[in-house]
Amino acid sequence: MERTDLANLESLSLEQFRPYVTGIYTKYFWSKPGEEHYKLLAHFSTHYHGATFIDLGTSFGCSALALAYNPANRVISYDLEDKKEAAIDLPNVEFRVKNALEDGDQLLASPLILLDTYHDGVFEQEMYDFLSRNNYTGLLLLDDIHVNPAMQQFWSGVSHTKLDLTTWGHWSGTGLVVFDMASSTLLGSLLTPSAA
């Protein structure tokens, strides 16, 4: 799969996922960057090969689909209940109905974790603290960092290197936390507006 760059983000086609996108998300999944984050997630997936991404907060499964854009990667998506309206049967996506912290080793081994849950700052803080305590070296991508005071407070309290990617992500805020600059070798290419 060819790597994409931020300058061409809007041209990414997610049409292969149309059979799996249902309900209210049929209105949002194909929205442009800056309105929704799905094309940004697909963009990130093109910069990895053979990686296992973690999606925290499955909901209808749309973020997992976007992260699965590059079929050379695997996505494990977690939620506390199954809310998907359509069966998603892709060979590189696995859905688990459980607390992701029960699979701590898999979290820590993933180069990219997407956190998109209740947006109350509580689980976000719990996950951030878990990753910090355990010397996580990957990237944590957060949805809705500007959506309410609780999320704004959480985001302002993040002490690791962080980038606000809202311009290319979700209208309510998309943030990237870099836990280890030295090991994040793909960071430059992920965020470069045009490919080198």
C-alpha atoms as a PDB file:
ATOM      1  CA  MET A   1       0.000   0.000   0.000  1.00  0.00           C
ATOM      2  CA  GLU A   2       1.368   3.378  -1.022  1.00  0.00           C
ATOM      3  CA  ARG A   3       1.904   5.930   1.721  1.00  0.00           C
ATOM      4  CA  THR A   4      -0.324   8.962   1.666  1.00  0.00           C
ATOM      5  CA  ASP A   5       0.488  12.456   2.834  1.00  0.00           C
ATOM      6  CA  LEU A   6      -1.591  15.138   4.523  1.00  0.00           C
ATOM      7  CA  ALA A   7      -1.758  17.254   1.360  1.00  0.00           C
ATOM      8  CA  ASN A   8      -3.680  14.439  -0.377  1.00  0.00           C
ATOM      9  CA  LEU A   9      -5.763  13.381   2.603  1.00  0.00           C
ATOM     10  CA  GLU A  10      -9.084  14.384   1.083  1.00  0.00           C
ATOM     11  CA  SER A  11      -8.489  12.222  -1.990  1.00  0.00           C
ATOM     12  CA  LEU A  12      -8.360   8.995   0.052  1.00  0.00           C
ATOM     13  CA  SER A  13     -11.278   6.766  -0.887  1.00  0.00           C
ATOM     14  CA  LEU A  14     -12.967   4.756   1.854  1.00  0.00           C
ATOM     15  CA  GLU A  15     -15.597   3.305  -0.502  1.00  0.00           C
ATOM     16  CA  GLN A  16     -14.533  -0.297   0.123  1.00  0.00           C
ATOM     17  CA  PHE A  17     -16.086   0.041   3.589  1.00  0.00           C
ATOM     18  CA  ARG A  18     -19.535   1.166   2.402  1.00  0.00           C
ATOM     19  CA  PRO A  19     -21.213  -2.217   3.131  1.00  0.00           C
ATOM     20  CA  TYR A  20     -20.192  -1.942   6.780  1.00  0.00           C
ATOM     21  CA  VAL A  21     -21.161   1.670   7.513  1.00  0.00           C
ATOM     22  CA  THR A  22     -24.692   1.963   8.876  1.00  0.00           C
ATOM     23  CA  GLY A  23     -27.029   4.205  10.794  1.00  0.00           C
ATOM     24  CA  ILE A  24     -26.059   7.767  11.540  1.00  0.00           C
ATOM     25  CA  TYR A  25     -22.495   7.107  10.392  1.00  0.00           C
ATOM     26  CA  THR A  26     -23.592   6.929   6.744  1.00  0.00           C
ATOM     27  CA  LYS A  27     -23.782  10.722   7.096  1.00  0.00           C
ATOM     28  CA  TYR A  28     -20.315  11.133   8.617  1.00  0.00           C
ATOM     29  CA  PHE A  29     -17.921   8.441   7.420  1.00  0.00           C
ATOM     30  CA  TRP A  30     -17.168  10.088   4.064  1.00  0.00           C
ATOM     31  CA  SER A  31     -16.890  13.644   5.419  1.00  0.00           C
ATOM     32  CA  LYS A  32     -13.799  15.668   4.657  1.00  0.00           C
ATOM     33  CA  PRO A  33     -10.844  16.046   7.012  1.00  0.00           C
ATOM     34  CA  GLY A  34     -11.475  18.762   9.580  1.00  0.00           C
ATOM     35  CA  GLU A  35     -15.069  17.569   9.905  1.00  0.00           C
ATOM     36  CA  GLU A  36     -14.413  13.872  10.627  1.00  0.00           C
ATOM     37  CA  HIS A  37     -11.188  11.989  11.351  1.00  0.00           C
ATOM     38  CA  TYR A  38     -11.681   8.842   9.271  1.00  0.00           C
ATOM     39  CA  LYS A  39      -9.398   9.835   6.400  1.00  0.00           C
ATOM     40  CA  LEU A  40      -6.704  10.845   8.890  1.00  0.00           C
ATOM     41  CA  LEU A  41      -6.923   7.367  10.427  1.00  0.00           C
ATOM     42  CA  ALA A  42      -6.610   5.774   6.991  1.00  0.00           C
ATOM     43  CA  HIS A  43      -3.620   8.036   6.294  1.00  0.00           C
ATOM     44  CA  PHE A  44      -1.884   6.847   9.460  1.00  0.00           C
ATOM     45  CA  SER A  45      -2.432   3.225   8.424  1.00  0.00           C
ATOM     46  CA  THR A  46      -0.507   3.722   5.178  1.00  0.00           C
ATOM     47  CA  HIS A  47       2.668   4.501   7.131  1.00  0.00           C
ATOM     48  CA  TYR A  48       2.830   1.081   8.773  1.00  0.00           C
ATOM     49  CA  HIS A  49       3.190  -2.460   7.439  1.00  0.00           C
ATOM     50  CA  GLY A  50       2.452  -5.473   9.601  1.00  0.00           C
ATOM     51  CA  ALA A  51       1.459  -3.413  12.645  1.00  0.00           C
ATOM     52  CA  THR A  52      -1.355  -4.093  15.091  1.00  0.00           C
ATOM     53  CA  PHE A  53      -3.352  -0.969  15.934  1.00  0.00           C
ATOM     54  CA  ILE A  54      -5.647  -0.655  18.944  1.00  0.00           C
ATOM     55  CA  ASP A  55      -9.021   1.078  18.650  1.00  0.00           C
ATOM     56  CA  LEU A  56     -10.548   1.922  22.037  1.00  0.00           C
ATOM     57  CA  GLY A  57     -14.283   2.582  21.750  1.00  0.00           C
ATOM     58  CA  THR A  58     -15.667   0.512  18.855  1.00  0.00           C
ATOM     59  CA  SER A  59     -19.195   1.996  18.790  1.00  0.00           C
ATOM     60  CA  PHE A  60     -20.398   1.291  15.220  1.00  0.00           C
ATOM     61  CA  GLY A  61     -16.931   0.190  14.074  1.00  0.00           C
ATOM     62  CA  CYS A  62     -16.108   3.082  11.755  1.00  0.00           C
ATOM     63  CA  SER A  63     -12.755   4.006  13.300  1.00  0.00           C
ATOM     64  CA  ALA A  64     -11.670   0.369  13.163  1.00  0.00           C
ATOM     65  CA  LEU A  65     -12.592   0.303   9.478  1.00  0.00           C
ATOM     66  CA  ALA A  66     -10.555   3.425   8.723  1.00  0.00           C
ATOM     67  CA  LEU A  67      -7.551   2.073  10.637  1.00  0.00           C
ATOM     68  CA  ALA A  68      -7.882  -1.130   8.557  1.00  0.00           C
ATOM     69  CA  TYR A  69      -7.492   0.847   5.324  1.00  0.00           C
ATOM     70  CA  ASN A  70      -4.068  -0.715   4.786  1.00  0.00           C
ATOM     71  CA  PRO A  71      -4.805  -4.469   4.781  1.00  0.00           C
ATOM     72  CA  ALA A  72      -1.190  -5.231   5.732  1.00  0.00           C
ATOM     73  CA  ASN A  73      -2.014  -4.078   9.267  1.00  0.00           C
ATOM     74  CA  ARG A  74      -4.292  -5.560  11.913  1.00  0.00           C
ATOM     75  CA  VAL A  75      -6.814  -3.697  14.086  1.00  0.00           C
ATOM     76  CA  ILE A  76      -8.088  -4.860  17.462  1.00  0.00           C
ATOM     77  CA  SER A  77     -11.108  -2.815  18.518  1.00  0.00           C
ATOM     78  CA  TYR A  78     -12.434  -2.757  22.083  1.00  0.00           C
ATOM     79  CA  ASP A  79     -15.724  -1.728  23.626  1.00  0.00           C
ATOM     80  CA  LEU A  80     -17.629  -2.681  26.755  1.00  0.00           C
ATOM     81  CA  GLU A  81     -20.686  -3.645  24.676  1.00  0.00           C
ATOM     82  CA  ASP A  82     -21.349  -4.541  21.050  1.00  0.00           C
ATOM     83  CA  LYS A  83     -23.106  -1.568  19.406  1.00  0.00           C
ATOM     84  CA  LYS A  84     -22.367  -2.381  15.777  1.00  0.00           C
ATOM     85  CA  GLU A  85     -25.495  -2.464  13.607  1.00  0.00           C
ATOM     86  CA  ALA A  86     -23.836  -4.381  10.771  1.00  0.00           C
ATOM     87  CA  ALA A  87     -21.546  -7.382  10.917  1.00  0.00           C
ATOM     88  CA  ILE A  88     -18.012  -6.385   9.977  1.00  0.00           C
ATOM     89  CA  ASP A  89     -16.163  -9.372   8.639  1.00  0.00           C
ATOM     90  CA  LEU A  90     -12.721  -8.286   7.524  1.00  0.00           C
ATOM     91  CA  PRO A  91      -9.660 -10.512   7.907  1.00  0.00           C
ATOM     92  CA  ASN A  92      -7.572  -7.752   9.516  1.00  0.00           C
ATOM     93  CA  VAL A  93     -10.133  -6.501  12.071  1.00  0.00           C
ATOM     94  CA  GLU A  94     -10.984  -8.137  15.387  1.00  0.00           C
ATOM     95  CA  PHE A  95     -13.624  -6.875  17.808  1.00  0.00           C
ATOM     96  CA  ARG A  96     -13.365  -7.586  21.516  1.00  0.00           C
ATOM     97  CA  VAL A  97     -16.114  -6.834  24.025  1.00  0.00           C
ATOM     98  CA  LYS A  98     -14.087  -6.250  27.177  1.00  0.00           C
ATOM     99  CA  ASN A  99     -12.005  -3.694  29.035  1.00  0.00           C
ATOM    100  CA  ALA A 100      -8.860  -3.155  26.979  1.00  0.00           C
ATOM    101  CA  LEU A 101      -6.768  -2.780  30.116  1.00  0.00           C
ATOM    102  CA  GLU A 102      -7.189  -6.547  30.574  1.00  0.00           C
ATOM    103  CA  ASP A 103      -4.966  -6.868  27.487  1.00  0.00           C
ATOM    104  CA  GLY A 104      -2.260  -4.502  28.698  1.00  0.00           C
ATOM    105  CA  ASP A 105       0.563  -6.289  26.904  1.00  0.00           C
ATOM    106  CA  GLN A 106      -1.159  -5.837  23.543  1.00  0.00           C
ATOM    107  CA  LEU A 107      -1.781  -2.159  24.267  1.00  0.00           C
ATOM    108  CA  LEU A 108       1.865  -1.583  25.075  1.00  0.00           C
ATOM    109  CA  ALA A 109       3.025  -3.454  21.947  1.00  0.00           C
ATOM    110  CA  SER A 110       0.894  -1.388  19.544  1.00  0.00           C
ATOM    111  CA  PRO A 111       2.598   1.501  17.738  1.00  0.00           C
ATOM    112  CA  LEU A 112      -0.718   3.388  17.481  1.00  0.00           C
ATOM    113  CA  ILE A 113      -3.675   3.498  19.840  1.00  0.00           C
ATOM    114  CA  LEU A 114      -6.862   5.414  19.038  1.00  0.00           C
ATOM    115  CA  LEU A 115      -8.860   6.476  22.101  1.00  0.00           C
ATOM    116  CA  ASP A 116     -12.446   7.502  21.320  1.00  0.00           C
ATOM    117  CA  THR A 117     -14.722   6.642  24.244  1.00  0.00           C
ATOM    118  CA  TYR A 118     -17.134   8.624  26.462  1.00  0.00           C
ATOM    119  CA  HIS A 119     -15.172  11.895  26.366  1.00  0.00           C
ATOM    120  CA  ASP A 120     -15.488  12.592  30.078  1.00  0.00           C
ATOM    121  CA  GLY A 121     -11.735  12.671  30.660  1.00  0.00           C
ATOM    122  CA  VAL A 122     -11.897   9.796  33.146  1.00  0.00           C
ATOM    123  CA  PHE A 123     -10.961   6.810  30.968  1.00  0.00           C
ATOM    124  CA  GLU A 124      -8.700   9.054  28.906  1.00  0.00           C
ATOM    125  CA  GLN A 125      -6.734   9.876  32.062  1.00  0.00           C
ATOM    126  CA  GLU A 126      -6.738   6.239  33.184  1.00  0.00           C
ATOM    127  CA  MET A 127      -5.361   5.086  29.833  1.00  0.00           C
ATOM    128  CA  TYR A 128      -2.805   7.892  29.639  1.00  0.00           C
ATOM    129  CA  ASP A 129      -1.590   7.065  33.158  1.00  0.00           C
ATOM    130  CA  PHE A 130      -1.375   3.338  32.325  1.00  0.00           C
ATOM    131  CA  LEU A 131       0.683   4.022  29.205  1.00  0.00           C
ATOM    132  CA  SER A 132       2.941   6.484  31.037  1.00  0.00           C
ATOM    133  CA  ARG A 133       3.573   4.130  33.984  1.00  0.00           C
ATOM    134  CA  ASN A 134       4.449   1.294  31.630  1.00  0.00           C
ATOM    135  CA  ASN A 135       6.878   3.260  29.444  1.00  0.00           C
ATOM    136  CA  TYR A 136       4.757   3.049  26.296  1.00  0.00           C
ATOM    137  CA  THR A 137       6.735   4.138  23.238  1.00  0.00           C
ATOM    138  CA  GLY A 138       4.024   4.523  20.589  1.00  0.00           C
ATOM    139  CA  LEU A 139       1.469   7.137  19.577  1.00  0.00           C
ATOM    140  CA  LEU A 140      -1.858   7.815  21.278  1.00  0.00           C
ATOM    141  CA  LEU A 141      -4.456   9.454  19.034  1.00  0.00           C
ATOM    142  CA  LEU A 142      -7.337  11.083  20.921  1.00  0.00           C
ATOM    143  CA  ASP A 143     -10.721  12.131  19.590  1.00  0.00           C
ATOM    144  CA  ASP A 144     -12.776  15.077  20.888  1.00  0.00           C
ATOM    145  CA  ILE A 145     -10.028  16.880  22.814  1.00  0.00           C
ATOM    146  CA  HIS A 146     -11.945  20.193  22.580  1.00  0.00           C
ATOM    147  CA  VAL A 147     -15.526  18.865  22.902  1.00  0.00           C
ATOM    148  CA  ASN A 148     -16.123  19.801  26.568  1.00  0.00           C
ATOM    149  CA  PRO A 149     -14.338  21.217  29.645  1.00  0.00           C
ATOM    150  CA  ALA A 150     -13.425  17.747  30.967  1.00  0.00           C
ATOM    151  CA  MET A 151     -11.638  16.820  27.740  1.00  0.00           C
ATOM    152  CA  GLN A 152      -9.990  20.234  27.480  1.00  0.00           C
ATOM    153  CA  GLN A 153      -8.681  19.824  31.030  1.00  0.00           C
ATOM    154  CA  PHE A 154      -7.415  16.324  30.289  1.00  0.00           C
ATOM    155  CA  TRP A 155      -5.671  17.497  27.103  1.00  0.00           C
ATOM    156  CA  SER A 156      -4.048  20.471  28.823  1.00  0.00           C
ATOM    157  CA  GLY A 157      -2.681  18.112  31.493  1.00  0.00           C
ATOM    158  CA  VAL A 158      -0.873  15.819  29.022  1.00  0.00           C
ATOM    159  CA  SER A 159       2.830  16.228  29.777  1.00  0.00           C
ATOM    160  CA  HIS A 160       4.276  14.279  26.826  1.00  0.00           C
ATOM    161  CA  THR A 161       4.874  15.854  23.434  1.00  0.00           C
ATOM    162  CA  LYS A 162       1.461  16.487  21.887  1.00  0.00           C
ATOM    163  CA  LEU A 163       0.136  17.811  18.599  1.00  0.00           C
ATOM    164  CA  ASP A 164      -3.296  19.199  17.812  1.00  0.00           C
ATOM    165  CA  LEU A 165      -4.351  17.612  14.500  1.00  0.00           C
ATOM    166  CA  THR A 166      -7.884  19.027  14.446  1.00  0.00           C
ATOM    167  CA  THR A 167      -7.275  20.652  11.039  1.00  0.00           C
ATOM    168  CA  TRP A 168      -6.990  17.152   9.539  1.00  0.00           C
ATOM    169  CA  GLY A 169      -9.118  15.282  12.057  1.00  0.00           C
ATOM    170  CA  HIS A 170     -12.440  15.702  13.830  1.00  0.00           C
ATOM    171  CA  TRP A 171     -14.132  19.100  14.241  1.00  0.00           C
ATOM    172  CA  SER A 172     -14.327  18.599  18.030  1.00  0.00           C
ATOM    173  CA  GLY A 173     -10.590  18.060  18.294  1.00  0.00           C
ATOM    174  CA  THR A 174      -8.045  15.403  17.391  1.00  0.00           C
ATOM    175  CA  GLY A 175      -4.868  15.186  19.428  1.00  0.00           C
ATOM    176  CA  LEU A 176      -1.734  13.088  19.076  1.00  0.00           C
ATOM    177  CA  VAL A 177       0.426  12.206  22.079  1.00  0.00           C
ATOM    178  CA  VAL A 178       3.988  11.106  21.339  1.00  0.00           C
ATOM    179  CA  PHE A 179       5.301   9.009  24.213  1.00  0.00           C
ATOM    180  CA  ASP A 180       8.853   8.594  22.919  1.00  0.00           C
ATOM    181  CA  MET A 181      10.198  10.960  20.277  1.00  0.00           C
ATOM    182  CA  ALA A 182      13.269   8.786  19.690  1.00  0.00           C
ATOM    183  CA  SER A 183      11.249   5.684  18.837  1.00  0.00           C
ATOM    184  CA  SER A 184       8.588   7.481  16.800  1.00  0.00           C
ATOM    185  CA  THR A 185      10.589   7.257  13.589  1.00  0.00           C
ATOM    186  CA  LEU A 186       7.501   7.591  11.405  1.00  0.00           C
ATOM    187  CA  LEU A 187       6.288  10.801  13.051  1.00  0.00           C
ATOM    188  CA  GLY A 188       7.865  13.108  10.484  1.00  0.00           C
ATOM    189  CA  SER A 189       6.454  11.258   7.500  1.00  0.00           C
ATOM    190  CA  LEU A 190       3.026  10.862   9.117  1.00  0.00           C
ATOM    191  CA  LEU A 191       2.649  14.602   9.547  1.00  0.00           C
ATOM    192  CA  THR A 192       4.587  16.004   6.595  1.00  0.00           C
ATOM    193  CA  PRO A 193       2.153  17.930   4.352  1.00  0.00           C
ATOM    194  CA  SER A 194       3.761  16.444   1.224  1.00  0.00           C
ATOM    195  CA  ALA A 195       5.751  13.278   0.773  1.00  0.00           C
ATOM    196  CA  ALA A 196       9.517  13.649   0.463  1.00  0.00           C
END
